[in-house]
N, C-alpha and C. Protein backbone atom coordinates (compact mmCIF):
# COMPACT_ATOMS: atom_id res chain seq x y z
N MET A 1 69.61 32.20 -39.22
CA MET A 1 70.30 31.92 -36.90
C MET A 1 69.71 33.49 -36.75
N ALA A 2 70.00 35.06 -38.01
CA ALA A 2 69.75 36.22 -37.31
C ALA A 2 68.52 35.89 -36.96
N THR A 3 67.79 36.06 -37.99
CA THR A 3 66.25 35.65 -37.73
C THR A 3 65.43 35.29 -36.20
N VAL A 4 65.82 33.84 -35.81
CA VAL A 4 65.75 33.26 -34.47
C VAL A 4 66.66 33.86 -33.21
N VAL A 5 67.78 34.96 -33.35
CA VAL A 5 68.05 35.96 -32.31
C VAL A 5 67.38 37.17 -32.47
N VAL A 6 66.71 37.65 -34.14
CA VAL A 6 66.19 38.74 -33.56
C VAL A 6 63.88 38.65 -32.70
N ILE A 7 63.55 37.14 -32.41
CA ILE A 7 63.20 36.98 -32.78
C ILE A 7 62.85 36.75 -31.26
N VAL A 8 64.00 35.80 -30.73
CA VAL A 8 63.92 35.88 -29.10
C VAL A 8 64.07 36.57 -28.47
N ALA A 9 64.95 37.94 -28.91
CA ALA A 9 65.25 39.06 -28.62
C ALA A 9 64.06 39.92 -27.95
N ALA A 10 63.11 39.76 -29.13
CA ALA A 10 61.79 40.90 -29.55
C ALA A 10 60.90 40.51 -28.81
N PHE A 11 61.16 39.15 -27.85
CA PHE A 11 60.43 38.25 -26.99
C PHE A 11 60.63 39.26 -25.69
N VAL A 12 62.37 38.48 -25.60
CA VAL A 12 62.58 39.36 -24.15
C VAL A 12 61.62 40.95 -24.01
N VAL A 13 62.32 41.69 -24.48
CA VAL A 13 62.03 42.81 -24.68
C VAL A 13 60.49 43.61 -24.82
N LEU A 14 59.37 42.79 -25.21
CA LEU A 14 58.62 43.24 -25.87
C LEU A 14 58.06 42.43 -24.14
N ARG A 15 58.31 41.54 -23.48
CA ARG A 15 57.33 41.20 -23.04
C ARG A 15 56.79 41.98 -21.72
N PRO A 16 55.74 41.28 -21.47
CA PRO A 16 54.91 42.44 -20.21
C PRO A 16 55.68 42.39 -18.69
N ASP A 17 55.63 43.34 -18.09
CA ASP A 17 57.02 43.51 -16.73
C ASP A 17 55.82 42.98 -15.26
N ASP A 18 55.86 42.33 -14.68
CA ASP A 18 55.06 42.45 -13.43
C ASP A 18 55.35 42.48 -12.31
N GLY A 19 56.36 43.12 -12.53
CA GLY A 19 56.98 44.10 -11.34
C GLY A 19 57.59 42.90 -10.00
N GLN A 20 57.79 41.63 -10.54
CA GLN A 20 58.99 40.71 -9.79
C GLN A 20 60.19 40.27 -10.92
N ASP A 21 61.08 39.73 -10.23
CA ASP A 21 62.27 39.50 -10.76
C ASP A 21 62.40 37.54 -10.54
N SER A 22 61.46 37.21 -9.64
CA SER A 22 61.90 35.98 -9.36
C SER A 22 60.61 35.12 -9.45
N VAL A 23 60.14 34.31 -9.81
CA VAL A 23 59.41 33.24 -9.37
C VAL A 23 59.28 32.70 -7.98
N GLN A 24 58.22 33.24 -6.94
CA GLN A 24 57.48 32.95 -6.12
C GLN A 24 56.14 31.70 -6.04
N PRO A 25 56.40 30.75 -5.07
CA PRO A 25 55.22 29.83 -5.32
C PRO A 25 53.80 31.11 -5.34
N ALA A 26 52.25 29.58 -5.96
CA ALA A 26 51.58 30.94 -5.61
C ALA A 26 51.25 30.91 -4.02
N GLN A 27 50.45 31.43 -3.03
CA GLN A 27 50.47 31.48 -1.63
C GLN A 27 48.97 31.29 -1.45
N THR A 28 49.24 30.26 -0.92
CA THR A 28 46.78 29.56 -0.20
C THR A 28 47.07 29.40 0.92
N SER A 29 45.93 30.17 1.31
CA SER A 29 44.94 30.31 2.25
C SER A 29 43.30 29.24 2.48
N ALA A 30 42.99 29.61 3.46
CA ALA A 30 41.84 29.90 2.95
C ALA A 30 40.38 30.71 3.06
N PRO A 31 39.51 30.15 2.74
CA PRO A 31 38.77 31.62 2.23
C PRO A 31 38.05 32.45 3.61
N ALA A 32 38.34 33.52 4.31
CA ALA A 32 37.38 34.12 4.97
C ALA A 32 36.30 34.01 5.20
N PRO A 33 35.80 34.12 6.50
CA PRO A 33 35.08 32.82 6.71
C PRO A 33 33.53 34.18 6.98
N ALA A 34 32.72 33.60 6.29
CA ALA A 34 31.23 35.03 6.10
C ALA A 34 30.77 35.36 7.21
N THR A 35 30.79 36.94 6.90
CA THR A 35 30.02 37.24 7.98
C THR A 35 28.54 37.04 7.87
N ALA A 36 28.28 37.14 6.84
CA ALA A 36 26.32 37.48 6.64
C ALA A 36 25.52 36.25 7.24
N THR A 37 24.90 36.48 8.11
CA THR A 37 23.88 35.15 8.64
C THR A 37 21.76 35.32 7.53
N THR A 38 22.31 34.33 7.02
CA THR A 38 20.65 34.20 6.86
C THR A 38 20.26 33.87 7.71
N PRO A 39 18.80 34.80 7.14
CA PRO A 39 17.32 34.67 8.44
C PRO A 39 16.86 33.02 8.54
N ALA A 40 16.65 32.49 9.51
CA ALA A 40 15.42 31.49 9.99
C ALA A 40 13.92 31.33 9.60
N VAL A 41 13.87 30.12 8.32
CA VAL A 41 12.53 30.71 8.10
C VAL A 41 12.27 29.48 8.65
N THR A 42 10.55 30.61 8.83
CA THR A 42 9.86 30.28 10.06
C THR A 42 8.68 28.88 9.37
N ASP A 43 8.54 28.22 8.94
CA ASP A 43 7.05 27.14 8.16
C ASP A 43 5.80 28.03 9.05
N THR A 44 5.52 28.45 8.30
CA THR A 44 3.50 28.87 8.78
C THR A 44 2.67 28.27 8.24
N ARG A 45 2.65 27.01 7.22
CA ARG A 45 1.82 26.16 6.56
C ARG A 45 1.44 25.78 7.95
N GLU A 46 -0.19 24.44 7.63
CA GLU A 46 -1.05 24.03 8.43
C GLU A 46 -0.42 22.30 9.05
N PRO A 47 0.28 21.89 9.41
CA PRO A 47 0.85 20.94 9.47
C PRO A 47 -0.82 19.16 9.35
N PRO A 48 -0.63 18.93 7.96
CA PRO A 48 -1.59 18.15 7.03
C PRO A 48 -2.51 17.34 8.60
N PRO A 49 -3.65 16.93 7.99
CA PRO A 49 -4.46 16.40 9.44
C PRO A 49 -3.96 15.14 9.20
N PRO A 50 -4.84 14.72 10.71
CA PRO A 50 -3.76 12.78 10.69
C PRO A 50 -4.72 12.39 9.40
N VAL A 51 -3.98 10.99 9.26
CA VAL A 51 -4.62 9.68 8.36
C VAL A 51 -5.10 9.40 9.45
N PRO A 52 -6.73 9.24 8.78
CA PRO A 52 -7.55 8.00 9.65
C PRO A 52 -7.20 6.55 9.23
N GLU A 53 -7.28 6.14 10.45
CA GLU A 53 -6.73 4.40 10.32
C GLU A 53 -7.82 3.59 9.74
N ALA A 54 -7.58 2.98 8.86
CA ALA A 54 -7.86 1.87 8.11
C ALA A 54 -8.99 1.56 8.79
N ALA A 55 -10.59 1.10 8.25
CA ALA A 55 -11.20 -0.25 9.13
C ALA A 55 -10.71 -1.44 9.22
N PRO A 56 -11.10 -1.79 9.87
CA PRO A 56 -10.47 -3.07 10.43
C PRO A 56 -11.04 -3.77 8.62
N ARG A 57 -10.77 -5.07 8.99
CA ARG A 57 -11.48 -5.87 7.54
C ARG A 57 -12.64 -6.44 8.04
N PRO A 58 -13.31 -7.02 7.83
CA PRO A 58 -14.41 -7.47 8.76
C PRO A 58 -13.77 -9.35 8.49
N ARG A 59 -14.36 -9.99 9.38
CA ARG A 59 -14.35 -11.01 10.43
C ARG A 59 -14.33 -11.75 8.66
N PHE A 60 -13.82 -13.20 8.64
CA PHE A 60 -14.09 -14.17 7.91
C PHE A 60 -13.71 -15.20 8.60
N VAL A 61 -15.22 -16.29 8.39
CA VAL A 61 -15.59 -17.30 8.11
C VAL A 61 -16.04 -18.01 7.11
N GLN A 62 -15.16 -19.66 7.44
CA GLN A 62 -15.06 -20.68 6.87
C GLN A 62 -16.33 -21.35 7.22
N ILE A 63 -16.36 -22.69 6.28
CA ILE A 63 -18.28 -23.23 5.82
C ILE A 63 -17.05 -24.35 5.51
N ARG A 64 -17.06 -25.23 6.05
CA ARG A 64 -17.04 -26.84 5.16
C ARG A 64 -17.93 -27.38 5.76
N ALA A 65 -18.25 -28.70 3.97
CA ALA A 65 -18.91 -29.36 4.04
C ALA A 65 -18.63 -30.60 4.37
N GLN A 66 -19.04 -31.78 4.80
CA GLN A 66 -17.83 -33.25 4.09
C GLN A 66 -19.35 -34.63 4.20
N GLY A 67 -19.05 -35.23 3.14
CA GLY A 67 -20.86 -35.80 2.99
C GLY A 67 -21.83 -35.39 2.66
N LEU A 68 -21.80 -33.95 2.63
CA LEU A 68 -23.44 -33.02 2.46
C LEU A 68 -24.09 -32.78 4.10
N GLN A 69 -22.50 -32.93 5.31
CA GLN A 69 -22.76 -32.46 6.62
C GLN A 69 -22.00 -31.27 7.00
N PRO A 70 -22.41 -30.01 7.38
CA PRO A 70 -21.73 -29.22 8.14
C PRO A 70 -20.24 -29.71 9.27
N VAL A 71 -19.35 -29.36 8.51
CA VAL A 71 -18.31 -29.98 9.54
C VAL A 71 -18.11 -28.96 11.01
N GLY A 72 -18.36 -29.48 12.07
CA GLY A 72 -18.62 -29.11 13.11
C GLY A 72 -19.85 -28.35 13.64
N GLY A 73 -20.88 -28.95 13.17
CA GLY A 73 -22.20 -28.40 13.14
C GLY A 73 -22.33 -26.95 12.20
N VAL A 74 -23.79 -26.14 12.50
CA VAL A 74 -24.21 -25.34 12.36
C VAL A 74 -23.43 -24.21 12.14
N LYS A 75 -22.73 -23.49 11.03
CA LYS A 75 -21.76 -21.95 11.89
C LYS A 75 -22.42 -21.29 11.81
N LYS A 76 -22.39 -20.62 12.79
CA LYS A 76 -22.92 -19.52 13.41
C LYS A 76 -22.48 -17.80 12.31
N ILE A 77 -22.85 -17.05 12.06
CA ILE A 77 -22.04 -15.77 11.31
C ILE A 77 -23.04 -14.45 12.15
N ASP A 78 -22.68 -13.64 13.35
CA ASP A 78 -23.32 -12.65 13.75
C ASP A 78 -22.77 -10.92 12.96
N VAL A 79 -23.09 -10.60 12.85
CA VAL A 79 -23.34 -9.48 12.09
C VAL A 79 -23.63 -8.10 12.22
N ASN A 80 -23.57 -6.74 12.26
CA ASN A 80 -24.47 -5.64 12.51
C ASN A 80 -25.08 -5.16 10.98
N LYS A 81 -26.33 -4.90 10.66
CA LYS A 81 -26.90 -4.60 9.66
C LYS A 81 -25.30 -2.76 9.24
N GLY A 82 -25.93 -2.66 8.06
CA GLY A 82 -24.29 -2.07 7.69
C GLY A 82 -22.83 -3.19 7.28
N ASP A 83 -22.38 -4.06 7.94
CA ASP A 83 -21.73 -4.42 7.97
C ASP A 83 -21.10 -5.35 6.99
N THR A 84 -19.88 -5.37 6.65
CA THR A 84 -19.27 -6.82 5.27
C THR A 84 -19.36 -8.15 5.71
N VAL A 85 -20.19 -8.64 5.11
CA VAL A 85 -19.96 -9.79 5.96
C VAL A 85 -19.32 -10.41 4.43
N ARG A 86 -18.54 -11.84 4.96
CA ARG A 86 -17.35 -12.29 4.87
C ARG A 86 -17.27 -14.01 5.08
N PHE A 87 -17.88 -14.30 3.89
CA PHE A 87 -17.24 -15.79 4.18
C PHE A 87 -17.35 -16.95 3.09
N GLU A 88 -16.83 -18.10 3.35
CA GLU A 88 -16.64 -19.41 1.81
C GLU A 88 -17.26 -20.73 1.93
N VAL A 89 -17.79 -21.16 1.31
CA VAL A 89 -18.10 -22.27 2.20
C VAL A 89 -17.33 -23.60 0.53
N ARG A 90 -16.78 -24.46 1.38
CA ARG A 90 -15.87 -25.79 0.54
C ARG A 90 -16.64 -26.51 0.93
N SER A 91 -16.61 -27.31 0.07
CA SER A 91 -17.44 -29.13 -0.06
C SER A 91 -17.00 -29.61 -0.87
N ASP A 92 -17.24 -31.47 -0.73
CA ASP A 92 -16.68 -32.78 -0.88
C ASP A 92 -17.44 -32.96 -1.82
N GLN A 93 -18.73 -32.33 -2.03
CA GLN A 93 -19.59 -32.87 -2.94
C GLN A 93 -19.75 -31.78 -3.74
N ALA A 94 -20.23 -32.40 -4.70
CA ALA A 94 -21.58 -30.50 -5.60
C ALA A 94 -22.35 -30.45 -5.22
N ASP A 95 -22.69 -28.92 -4.77
CA ASP A 95 -23.76 -29.19 -4.37
C ASP A 95 -23.93 -27.28 -4.67
N GLU A 96 -24.62 -26.10 -3.74
CA GLU A 96 -24.97 -25.11 -4.25
C GLU A 96 -25.18 -24.86 -3.09
N GLY A 97 -24.26 -23.46 -3.14
CA GLY A 97 -24.31 -22.54 -1.53
C GLY A 97 -25.58 -21.73 -1.73
N HIS A 98 -26.43 -21.36 -0.85
CA HIS A 98 -28.06 -20.44 -0.56
C HIS A 98 -27.92 -20.44 0.26
N LEU A 99 -28.26 -18.71 0.45
CA LEU A 99 -28.03 -17.95 1.45
C LEU A 99 -29.43 -17.44 1.85
N HIS A 100 -31.00 -18.05 2.23
CA HIS A 100 -32.14 -17.25 1.62
C HIS A 100 -32.01 -16.19 2.80
N GLY A 101 -32.81 -15.04 1.85
CA GLY A 101 -32.98 -13.71 2.44
C GLY A 101 -32.41 -12.80 1.98
N TYR A 102 -31.37 -13.69 0.65
CA TYR A 102 -30.81 -12.89 0.07
C TYR A 102 -30.94 -12.90 -0.36
N ASP A 103 -31.32 -14.43 -1.40
CA ASP A 103 -31.44 -15.13 -1.86
C ASP A 103 -29.96 -14.47 -3.57
N ILE A 104 -28.68 -15.01 -2.31
CA ILE A 104 -27.18 -15.34 -3.07
C ILE A 104 -26.99 -16.98 -3.14
N SER A 105 -26.73 -17.58 -4.80
CA SER A 105 -26.81 -18.96 -4.58
C SER A 105 -25.41 -18.95 -5.42
N LYS A 106 -24.05 -20.33 -5.02
CA LYS A 106 -23.13 -20.00 -5.70
C LYS A 106 -23.06 -21.13 -5.60
N PRO A 107 -21.76 -22.62 -6.85
CA PRO A 107 -22.02 -23.87 -7.17
C PRO A 107 -20.04 -23.96 -6.10
N VAL A 108 -20.60 -25.01 -5.73
CA VAL A 108 -19.54 -25.59 -3.98
C VAL A 108 -19.26 -26.76 -4.88
N GLY A 109 -17.96 -27.57 -4.62
CA GLY A 109 -18.15 -28.65 -4.42
C GLY A 109 -16.23 -29.27 -4.46
N PRO A 110 -16.18 -30.19 -4.96
CA PRO A 110 -14.87 -30.77 -4.46
C PRO A 110 -13.25 -29.82 -5.52
N GLY A 111 -12.13 -28.53 -5.25
CA GLY A 111 -12.59 -28.10 -6.22
C GLY A 111 -12.67 -26.62 -6.55
N LYS A 112 -13.95 -26.97 -6.50
CA LYS A 112 -15.26 -25.36 -6.41
C LYS A 112 -15.29 -24.34 -5.17
N THR A 113 -14.91 -23.73 -5.08
CA THR A 113 -14.85 -23.03 -3.36
C THR A 113 -16.05 -21.67 -3.65
N ALA A 114 -16.79 -21.76 -3.05
CA ALA A 114 -17.45 -20.60 -3.22
C ALA A 114 -17.53 -19.71 -2.36
N ARG A 115 -17.29 -18.15 -2.25
CA ARG A 115 -16.93 -17.05 -1.50
C ARG A 115 -17.99 -16.04 -1.86
N TYR A 116 -18.24 -15.12 -0.28
CA TYR A 116 -19.74 -14.94 -0.21
C TYR A 116 -18.95 -13.71 0.56
N GLU A 117 -19.02 -11.99 -0.34
CA GLU A 117 -18.88 -10.94 0.28
C GLU A 117 -20.02 -10.13 0.13
N PHE A 118 -20.63 -9.57 0.47
CA PHE A 118 -22.00 -8.37 0.65
C PHE A 118 -21.99 -7.46 1.86
N THR A 119 -22.27 -6.25 2.18
CA THR A 119 -23.33 -5.35 3.08
C THR A 119 -24.65 -6.26 3.78
N ALA A 120 -24.57 -6.20 5.11
CA ALA A 120 -25.87 -6.88 5.99
C ALA A 120 -26.66 -5.93 5.41
N ARG A 121 -27.55 -5.65 4.77
CA ARG A 121 -28.83 -5.39 4.62
C ARG A 121 -30.02 -4.71 5.22
N ILE A 122 -30.56 -6.44 5.36
CA ILE A 122 -31.60 -6.85 6.03
C ILE A 122 -31.02 -7.45 7.14
N GLU A 123 -32.18 -6.73 7.67
CA GLU A 123 -32.01 -7.06 9.00
C GLU A 123 -32.66 -8.62 9.47
N GLY A 124 -32.04 -9.46 10.43
CA GLY A 124 -32.71 -11.12 10.91
C GLY A 124 -31.91 -12.29 10.67
N ILE A 125 -32.37 -13.44 10.55
CA ILE A 125 -31.71 -14.35 10.65
C ILE A 125 -31.58 -15.47 9.15
N PHE A 126 -31.12 -15.69 9.01
CA PHE A 126 -30.88 -16.15 7.46
C PHE A 126 -30.41 -17.69 7.48
N GLU A 127 -30.66 -18.62 6.74
CA GLU A 127 -30.24 -19.64 6.60
C GLU A 127 -29.28 -19.68 5.47
N LEU A 128 -28.14 -20.46 5.78
CA LEU A 128 -27.32 -20.64 4.00
C LEU A 128 -26.92 -22.53 4.63
N GLU A 129 -27.70 -22.41 2.83
CA GLU A 129 -28.21 -24.47 3.11
C GLU A 129 -27.39 -24.87 1.74
N LEU A 130 -26.75 -26.26 1.90
CA LEU A 130 -26.66 -27.21 0.80
C LEU A 130 -27.55 -26.68 0.04
N GLU A 131 -28.48 -26.27 -0.84
CA GLU A 131 -29.67 -25.70 -1.30
C GLU A 131 -30.31 -27.74 -2.45
N GLY A 132 -29.31 -27.94 -2.95
CA GLY A 132 -29.86 -30.03 -3.08
C GLY A 132 -29.79 -30.76 -2.45
N ALA A 133 -28.84 -30.71 -1.51
CA ALA A 133 -29.24 -31.80 -0.16
C ALA A 133 -30.48 -30.99 0.89
N GLY A 134 -30.58 -30.02 0.69
CA GLY A 134 -31.33 -29.37 1.48
C GLY A 134 -31.22 -29.26 2.53
N VAL A 135 -29.57 -29.01 3.84
CA VAL A 135 -28.79 -29.47 4.93
C VAL A 135 -28.34 -27.21 5.26
N ALA A 136 -29.09 -27.36 6.56
CA ALA A 136 -28.20 -26.30 6.95
C ALA A 136 -26.72 -26.01 7.58
N ILE A 137 -26.03 -25.65 6.49
CA ILE A 137 -24.45 -25.83 7.32
C ILE A 137 -24.28 -24.67 7.47
N GLY A 138 -25.37 -23.26 7.65
CA GLY A 138 -24.56 -22.10 8.87
C GLY A 138 -25.95 -20.97 8.91
N GLU A 139 -25.80 -20.08 9.16
CA GLU A 139 -26.69 -19.49 10.24
C GLU A 139 -26.63 -17.92 10.07
N LEU A 140 -26.78 -16.86 9.49
CA LEU A 140 -26.68 -15.50 8.91
C LEU A 140 -27.08 -14.49 9.77
N GLN A 141 -26.70 -13.75 11.37
CA GLN A 141 -28.10 -12.86 11.76
C GLN A 141 -27.20 -11.70 12.07
N VAL A 142 -28.41 -10.83 11.62
CA VAL A 142 -27.95 -9.33 11.49
C VAL A 142 -28.79 -8.77 12.47
N ASN A 143 -27.96 -7.81 13.25
CA ASN A 143 -28.48 -7.26 14.83
C ASN A 143 -28.98 -6.12 13.30
N PRO A 144 -29.96 -4.72 14.25
CA PRO A 144 -29.78 -4.28 13.59
C PRO A 144 -29.08 -2.52 14.25
């Protein structure tokens, strides 16, 4: 027991003195407002160039044949040289869609749609026909 008394006494005597006899609650205060200002930054870069609008997609033409005859008559397709030509052919009978002058042939028939997409590079008027039947179903006109 004497040892415990000596330890407690040593603790009381040797503890650091903070100059205060009583414990006071910690004081809280708002931080002082900053007095330094940040200089304004000026963006000296050039704005990016405007993004060009995408060219509109070329007109898409649908051509239908029923009983090996063009539905609604021979379909006219009118474009300028350099344009993209887009059309499709559907038929209830098996045959071959053939575009003369460009010499593009594609099979067509029930469940088989022929889709064409190419650049008009040759000027003139070109017949699209159901080759086996020898029936004109379309006409492509390419202007200068």
